[in-house]
Amino acid sequence: MADFQTSTHRSRWIFTPQDLIEKYKAANQRAKQTLEKYGVTRIEVDADGSLQYPEPQIIAKDNAEKRSRPKPLNVEEEQLMRSFYECKIQEVCAAFSFPQKIQATALIYYKRFYLQWSVMEHNPKHIMLTCIYVACKIEENHVSAEELGKGIAQDHQMILNNEMIVLQSLDFDLIVFAPYRSVDGFVDDMEEFCQPKDDQLQMLKDLHRTAKMEVDKTMLTDAPLLFPPGQLALAALRRSNEMDQILDFERYLSTILSRQDLSHALSELIESLDGIDSWVRKHQVPTAEDMKHIDRKLKFCLDPSSHDKSKKREKKSKHKSKRSASEMQNLPPGA
């Protein structure tokens, strides 16, 4: 059985908050430079993982052309876009009734991918679906690309085309550790710690259920890139326990540390759990309304011609409205 302590998850994919800031800024800056140079940011991906970068565009002849260039997303807008599609990962997995381990694995793959790339370089909707597809494979719950694409009305070839670039961006480190399994283990341990009676046993079951809901919230933050899964699980259990006070949680933490001969003190562990709680509290799920403006900017960056098509549709719609109004005015009285 894989062990977190000796895993690449622990050695290569746990970062500091400053690490994340630098990685997000670097990816955003690279995409901005690409946009400035080529007038487009999208990188085409072949099924073998090879990348086709944009061709240099002819320098704009006048200011009008320069003004029509796409405006890049800033770091904060990219963060909102990533968050929006992380929520979509949970929705798609729920729609397909996938186990929680698939949802968690897909989310971690998605988060890791966008440490390397900007959403302006690779369409987040495509990467979202590809991460779910790869997670299904790795967690041995195989669903074909055709079935996944058909289920949400998307072209399955796009999923296959992006599979290799996702694997490469993860450095093929595909074994990940999610907090859900840790929650299960801690709840079993709490039964021995509490020696609950019948009524308390039901409360412990409720604690188990609500803790998993708390993990769902945690998985939408950057916390899985900053803390080990065991701490994510303990933070979720502590938040759930605050409602019913089923056990003295600090005493339980002390018991864990004393048994496992861990090097860090109780105060350090509590500081980590407080840090996770802070990430959960400050996280806001963007709504579809919030995303309209950002989504328009992203589409324009990925495909500048989409801006012209959109303007043509708007112009056609306005022309149609004017014509309808004119026809109404020409109708005879009483018609």
Protein backbone atom coordinates (compact mmCIF):
# COMPACT_ATOMS: atom_id res chain seq x y z
CA MET A 1 0.00 0.00 0.00
CA ALA A 2 1.28 3.47 -0.90
CA ASP A 3 2.55 5.55 2.01
CA PHE A 4 2.17 9.33 2.07
CA GLN A 5 5.41 9.87 4.01
CA THR A 6 7.50 8.37 1.18
CA SER A 7 5.32 9.64 -1.68
CA THR A 8 5.98 12.17 -4.44
CA HIS A 9 2.83 13.90 -3.20
CA ARG A 10 4.69 14.80 -0.01
CA SER A 11 8.14 15.40 -1.50
CA ARG A 12 7.16 17.33 -4.64
CA TRP A 13 3.62 18.69 -4.40
CA ILE A 14 3.32 20.37 -0.99
CA PHE A 15 4.22 24.04 -1.23
CA THR A 16 4.33 27.25 0.77
CA PRO A 17 1.84 30.08 0.08
CA GLN A 18 4.69 32.12 -1.40
CA ASP A 19 5.52 29.25 -3.79
CA LEU A 20 1.96 29.31 -5.11
CA ILE A 21 1.95 33.09 -5.54
CA GLU A 22 5.17 32.91 -7.57
CA LYS A 23 3.94 30.02 -9.74
CA TYR A 24 0.61 31.70 -10.50
CA LYS A 25 2.35 34.99 -11.31
CA ALA A 26 4.90 33.29 -13.57
CA ALA A 27 2.23 31.45 -15.58
CA ASN A 28 0.14 34.62 -15.89
CA GLN A 29 3.15 36.67 -17.00
CA ARG A 30 4.14 34.12 -19.64
CA ALA A 31 0.61 34.13 -21.07
CA LYS A 32 0.61 37.95 -21.16
CA GLN A 33 3.90 37.95 -23.06
CA THR A 34 2.49 35.41 -25.52
CA LEU A 35 -0.57 37.59 -26.03
CA GLU A 36 1.58 40.66 -26.60
CA LYS A 37 3.75 38.85 -29.12
CA TYR A 38 1.19 36.76 -30.98
CA GLY A 39 -2.18 38.39 -30.27
CA VAL A 40 -3.52 35.07 -28.96
CA THR A 41 -2.66 32.84 -25.99
CA ARG A 42 -4.11 29.42 -26.83
CA ILE A 43 -1.61 26.60 -27.22
CA GLU A 44 -2.91 23.82 -29.47
CA VAL A 45 -2.29 20.28 -28.21
CA ASP A 46 -1.91 17.15 -30.34
CA ALA A 47 -2.91 13.74 -29.01
CA ASP A 48 0.77 12.80 -28.53
CA GLY A 49 1.25 15.75 -26.19
CA SER A 50 3.16 17.92 -28.65
CA LEU A 51 2.36 21.61 -28.49
CA GLN A 52 1.72 24.06 -31.31
CA TYR A 53 2.39 27.63 -30.27
CA PRO A 54 0.72 30.60 -32.00
CA GLU A 55 2.23 32.07 -35.12
CA PRO A 56 3.53 35.66 -34.83
CA GLN A 57 0.91 38.12 -36.04
CA ILE A 58 1.61 40.99 -38.40
CA ILE A 59 2.21 44.15 -36.39
CA ALA A 60 -0.92 46.25 -36.23
CA LYS A 61 -0.95 49.00 -38.83
CA ASP A 62 -2.98 51.46 -36.86
CA ASN A 63 -4.22 52.18 -33.39
CA ALA A 64 -7.65 50.76 -34.12
CA GLU A 65 -6.14 47.31 -34.60
CA LYS A 66 -4.08 47.68 -31.44
CA ARG A 67 -7.16 48.63 -29.46
CA SER A 68 -8.98 45.50 -30.64
CA ARG A 69 -6.34 43.22 -29.17
CA PRO A 70 -7.53 40.95 -26.36
CA LYS A 71 -6.93 42.11 -22.80
CA PRO A 72 -5.23 39.47 -20.65
CA LEU A 73 -6.71 38.12 -17.44
CA ASN A 74 -4.97 39.22 -14.27
CA VAL A 75 -3.87 36.80 -11.53
CA GLU A 76 -7.06 37.34 -9.52
CA GLU A 77 -9.30 36.68 -12.54
CA GLU A 78 -7.37 33.51 -13.29
CA GLN A 79 -7.92 32.38 -9.70
CA LEU A 80 -11.68 32.92 -10.06
CA MET A 81 -11.69 30.98 -13.33
CA ARG A 82 -9.83 28.06 -11.75
CA SER A 83 -12.21 28.09 -8.77
CA PHE A 84 -15.25 28.10 -11.03
CA TYR A 85 -14.14 24.96 -12.84
CA GLU A 86 -13.07 23.25 -9.62
CA CYS A 87 -16.73 23.53 -8.57
CA LYS A 88 -17.67 22.08 -11.96
CA ILE A 89 -15.42 19.08 -11.29
CA GLN A 90 -17.46 18.32 -8.17
CA GLU A 91 -20.71 18.81 -10.11
CA VAL A 92 -19.69 16.53 -12.99
CA CYS A 93 -18.44 13.82 -10.62
CA ALA A 94 -21.71 14.00 -8.69
CA ALA A 95 -23.71 13.78 -11.93
CA PHE A 96 -21.86 10.59 -12.86
CA SER A 97 -22.08 9.27 -9.26
CA PHE A 98 -18.31 8.87 -9.12
CA PRO A 99 -16.74 7.96 -5.76
CA GLN A 100 -15.24 10.81 -3.72
CA LYS A 101 -11.71 9.56 -4.40
CA ILE A 102 -12.19 10.28 -8.12
CA GLN A 103 -13.47 13.78 -7.42
CA ALA A 104 -10.53 14.45 -5.08
CA THR A 105 -7.94 13.02 -7.49
CA ALA A 106 -9.35 15.05 -10.40
CA LEU A 107 -9.27 18.24 -8.31
CA ILE A 108 -5.67 17.67 -7.25
CA TYR A 109 -4.62 16.97 -10.86
CA TYR A 110 -6.40 20.15 -11.97
CA LYS A 111 -4.72 22.26 -9.27
CA ARG A 112 -1.30 20.86 -10.11
CA PHE A 113 -1.79 21.43 -13.84
CA TYR A 114 -2.46 25.14 -13.34
CA LEU A 115 0.68 25.54 -11.27
CA GLN A 116 2.47 25.04 -14.59
CA TRP A 117 0.09 26.79 -17.00
CA SER A 118 -2.23 29.77 -17.28
CA VAL A 119 -5.93 29.31 -18.04
CA MET A 120 -5.20 31.60 -21.01
CA GLU A 121 -2.94 28.90 -22.48
CA HIS A 122 -5.13 25.83 -21.97
CA ASN A 123 -8.92 26.04 -21.84
CA PRO A 124 -9.95 25.21 -18.23
CA LYS A 125 -13.13 23.45 -19.34
CA HIS A 126 -11.10 21.05 -21.46
CA ILE A 127 -8.53 20.47 -18.72
CA MET A 128 -11.30 19.93 -16.14
CA LEU A 129 -12.82 17.10 -18.20
CA THR A 130 -9.43 15.58 -18.99
CA CYS A 131 -8.48 15.53 -15.29
CA ILE A 132 -11.72 13.69 -14.47
CA TYR A 133 -11.02 11.19 -17.26
CA VAL A 134 -7.45 10.55 -16.06
CA ALA A 135 -8.61 10.29 -12.43
CA CYS A 136 -11.13 7.62 -13.44
CA LYS A 137 -8.36 5.62 -15.08
CA ILE A 138 -5.95 5.90 -12.15
CA GLU A 139 -8.61 5.09 -9.56
CA GLU A 140 -9.72 2.06 -11.63
CA ASN A 141 -13.21 3.35 -12.29
CA HIS A 142 -12.72 3.53 -16.03
CA VAL A 143 -15.16 5.58 -18.06
CA SER A 144 -14.51 6.02 -21.77
CA ALA A 145 -13.82 9.48 -23.15
CA GLU A 146 -16.85 9.00 -25.41
CA GLU A 147 -19.13 8.29 -22.44
CA LEU A 148 -17.77 11.23 -20.45
CA GLY A 149 -18.04 13.63 -23.40
CA LYS A 150 -21.53 12.46 -24.32
CA GLY A 151 -22.73 12.80 -20.73
CA ILE A 152 -21.99 16.53 -20.72
CA ALA A 153 -22.37 17.28 -24.45
CA GLN A 154 -18.66 17.80 -25.17
CA ASP A 155 -16.43 16.45 -27.95
CA HIS A 156 -14.58 13.44 -26.52
CA GLN A 157 -11.64 13.98 -28.91
CA MET A 158 -10.76 17.13 -26.98
CA ILE A 159 -10.38 14.99 -23.83
CA LEU A 160 -8.08 12.53 -25.61
CA ASN A 161 -6.02 15.33 -27.16
CA ASN A 162 -5.34 16.86 -23.75
CA GLU A 163 -4.59 13.62 -21.89
CA MET A 164 -0.86 13.57 -22.60
CA ILE A 165 -0.23 17.25 -21.77
CA VAL A 166 -2.03 16.73 -18.45
CA LEU A 167 0.11 13.67 -17.66
CA GLN A 168 3.29 15.51 -18.64
CA SER A 169 2.36 18.55 -16.57
CA LEU A 170 1.87 16.29 -13.55
CA ASP A 171 5.33 14.81 -14.21
CA PHE A 172 3.45 11.48 -14.24
CA ASP A 173 3.11 11.70 -10.43
CA LEU A 174 -0.34 10.15 -10.47
CA ILE A 175 -0.65 8.65 -6.98
CA VAL A 176 -2.33 11.25 -4.78
CA PHE A 177 -3.59 11.14 -1.20
CA ALA A 178 -6.99 12.66 -0.48
CA PRO A 179 -8.37 13.60 2.96
CA TYR A 180 -11.49 11.42 2.69
CA ARG A 181 -9.67 8.21 3.53
CA SER A 182 -7.94 9.95 6.43
CA VAL A 183 -11.33 11.06 7.76
CA ASP A 184 -12.48 7.41 7.72
CA GLY A 185 -9.39 6.33 9.65
CA PHE A 186 -9.67 9.08 12.26
CA VAL A 187 -13.38 8.36 12.88
CA ASP A 188 -12.58 4.68 13.50
CA ASP A 189 -9.88 5.80 15.92
CA MET A 190 -12.28 8.19 17.66
CA GLU A 191 -14.63 5.31 18.42
CA GLU A 192 -11.88 3.70 20.49
CA PHE A 193 -10.96 7.05 22.04
CA CYS A 194 -14.55 7.94 23.05
CA GLN A 195 -15.97 4.48 23.74
CA PRO A 196 -19.35 5.90 22.67
CA LYS A 197 -22.73 4.63 23.84
CA ASP A 198 -25.62 4.11 21.41
CA ASP A 199 -26.72 7.75 21.22
CA GLN A 200 -23.12 8.96 20.95
CA LEU A 201 -22.43 6.40 18.20
CA GLN A 202 -25.07 8.05 16.02
CA MET A 203 -23.54 11.43 16.76
CA LEU A 204 -20.17 10.08 15.67
CA LYS A 205 -21.73 8.87 12.42
CA ASP A 206 -23.16 12.34 11.88
CA LEU A 207 -19.73 13.81 12.60
CA HIS A 208 -18.27 11.49 9.95
CA ARG A 209 -20.82 12.64 7.38
CA THR A 210 -20.46 16.37 8.05
CA ALA A 211 -16.66 16.10 8.12
CA LYS A 212 -16.72 14.78 4.56
CA MET A 213 -18.84 17.76 3.56
CA GLU A 214 -16.23 19.99 5.19
CA VAL A 215 -13.53 18.21 3.15
CA ASP A 216 -15.53 19.02 -0.01
CA LYS A 217 -15.22 22.71 0.89
CA THR A 218 -11.52 22.36 1.69
CA MET A 219 -10.81 20.74 -1.68
CA LEU A 220 -11.98 23.92 -3.44
CA THR A 221 -9.23 25.98 -1.79
CA ASP A 222 -5.43 25.97 -2.19
CA ALA A 223 -5.11 24.05 1.10
CA PRO A 224 -4.53 20.65 -0.64
CA LEU A 225 -1.37 22.16 -2.18
CA LEU A 226 -0.16 23.45 1.21
CA PHE A 227 -1.01 20.80 3.82
CA PRO A 228 -0.85 16.98 4.03
CA PRO A 229 -4.15 15.08 3.75
CA GLY A 230 -4.10 13.98 7.39
CA GLN A 231 -4.12 17.59 8.56
CA LEU A 232 -6.87 18.48 6.05
CA ALA A 233 -8.94 15.63 7.51
CA LEU A 234 -8.33 16.68 11.13
CA ALA A 235 -9.28 20.29 10.34
CA ALA A 236 -12.54 19.10 8.75
CA LEU A 237 -13.30 16.86 11.75
CA ARG A 238 -12.53 19.68 14.19
CA ARG A 239 -14.91 22.05 12.37
CA SER A 240 -17.63 19.38 12.42
CA ASN A 241 -17.03 18.68 16.11
CA GLU A 242 -17.49 22.36 16.99
CA MET A 243 -21.24 22.03 16.41
CA ASP A 244 -21.99 19.11 18.76
CA GLN A 245 -18.82 18.90 20.89
CA ILE A 246 -18.81 15.11 20.70
CA LEU A 247 -15.27 14.91 22.04
CA ASP A 248 -12.53 17.02 23.57
CA PHE A 249 -10.72 17.57 20.29
CA GLU A 250 -7.53 19.04 21.70
CA ARG A 251 -7.15 16.07 24.04
CA TYR A 252 -7.72 13.77 21.06
CA LEU A 253 -4.96 15.55 19.12
CA SER A 254 -2.60 15.16 22.07
CA THR A 255 -3.37 11.43 22.12
CA ILE A 256 -2.55 11.10 18.41
CA LEU A 257 0.77 12.89 18.80
CA SER A 258 1.80 10.87 21.85
CA ARG A 259 1.11 7.56 20.06
CA GLN A 260 2.84 8.39 16.79
CA ASP A 261 6.05 9.91 18.16
CA LEU A 262 5.69 12.88 15.82
CA SER A 263 8.33 15.58 15.90
CA HIS A 264 6.03 18.61 15.90
CA ALA A 265 4.31 19.85 19.03
CA LEU A 266 0.58 20.18 19.62
CA SER A 267 0.81 23.96 19.15
CA GLU A 268 2.30 23.46 15.67
CA LEU A 269 -0.45 21.05 14.67
CA ILE A 270 -3.17 23.42 15.92
CA GLU A 271 -1.51 26.25 14.00
CA SER A 272 -1.72 24.16 10.81
CA LEU A 273 -5.39 23.33 11.43
CA ASP A 274 -6.11 27.02 12.06
CA GLY A 275 -4.37 27.82 8.76
CA ILE A 276 -6.58 25.33 6.88
CA ASP A 277 -9.69 26.79 8.50
CA SER A 278 -8.60 30.24 7.37
CA TRP A 279 -8.37 29.07 3.74
CA VAL A 280 -11.87 27.59 3.96
CA ARG A 281 -13.39 30.69 5.57
CA LYS A 282 -12.02 33.13 3.03
CA HIS A 283 -12.87 31.02 -0.03
CA GLN A 284 -15.76 32.33 -2.11
CA VAL A 285 -17.38 30.26 -4.82
CA PRO A 286 -17.76 32.41 -7.95
CA THR A 287 -21.21 32.42 -9.52
CA ALA A 288 -21.97 32.19 -13.23
CA GLU A 289 -22.89 35.88 -13.11
CA ASP A 290 -19.50 36.73 -11.60
CA MET A 291 -17.81 34.83 -14.40
CA LYS A 292 -19.50 36.45 -17.43
CA HIS A 293 -16.98 39.24 -17.91
CA ILE A 294 -13.96 37.04 -17.16
CA ASP A 295 -15.24 34.32 -19.48
CA ARG A 296 -15.60 36.84 -22.34
CA LYS A 297 -12.02 38.00 -21.78
CA LEU A 298 -10.76 34.42 -21.72
CA LYS A 299 -12.57 33.47 -24.93
CA PHE A 300 -11.10 36.53 -26.65
CA CYS A 301 -7.58 35.58 -25.49
CA LEU A 302 -7.96 31.97 -26.61
CA ASP A 303 -9.59 32.90 -29.91
CA PRO A 304 -9.59 36.59 -30.94
CA SER A 305 -11.91 35.81 -33.86
CA SER A 306 -14.62 34.96 -31.33
CA HIS A 307 -14.83 38.69 -30.52
CA ASP A 308 -15.68 39.53 -34.14
CA LYS A 309 -18.25 36.72 -34.29
CA SER A 310 -19.85 37.98 -31.08
CA LYS A 311 -20.04 41.55 -32.43
CA LYS A 312 -21.64 40.29 -35.65
CA ARG A 313 -24.25 38.39 -33.64
CA GLU A 314 -24.98 41.48 -31.53
CA LYS A 315 -25.26 43.66 -34.66
CA LYS A 316 -27.55 41.14 -36.34
CA SER A 317 -29.71 40.94 -33.21
CA LYS A 318 -30.00 44.75 -32.97
CA HIS A 319 -30.84 45.00 -36.68
CA LYS A 320 -33.53 42.35 -36.26
CA SER A 321 -34.99 44.20 -33.24
CA LYS A 322 -35.10 47.50 -35.16
CA ARG A 323 -36.77 45.82 -38.13
CA SER A 324 -39.38 44.20 -35.88
CA ALA A 325 -40.12 47.56 -34.24
CA SER A 326 -40.46 49.22 -37.64
CA GLU A 327 -42.85 46.51 -38.86
CA MET A 328 -44.96 46.95 -35.76
CA GLN A 329 -45.27 50.69 -36.40
CA ASN A 330 -46.49 50.04 -39.96
CA LEU A 331 -49.30 47.74 -38.85
CA PRO A 332 -52.83 49.14 -39.49
CA PRO A 333 -54.81 50.29 -36.44
CA GLY A 334 -56.64 47.50 -34.65
CA ALA A 335 -54.49 44.81 -36.25
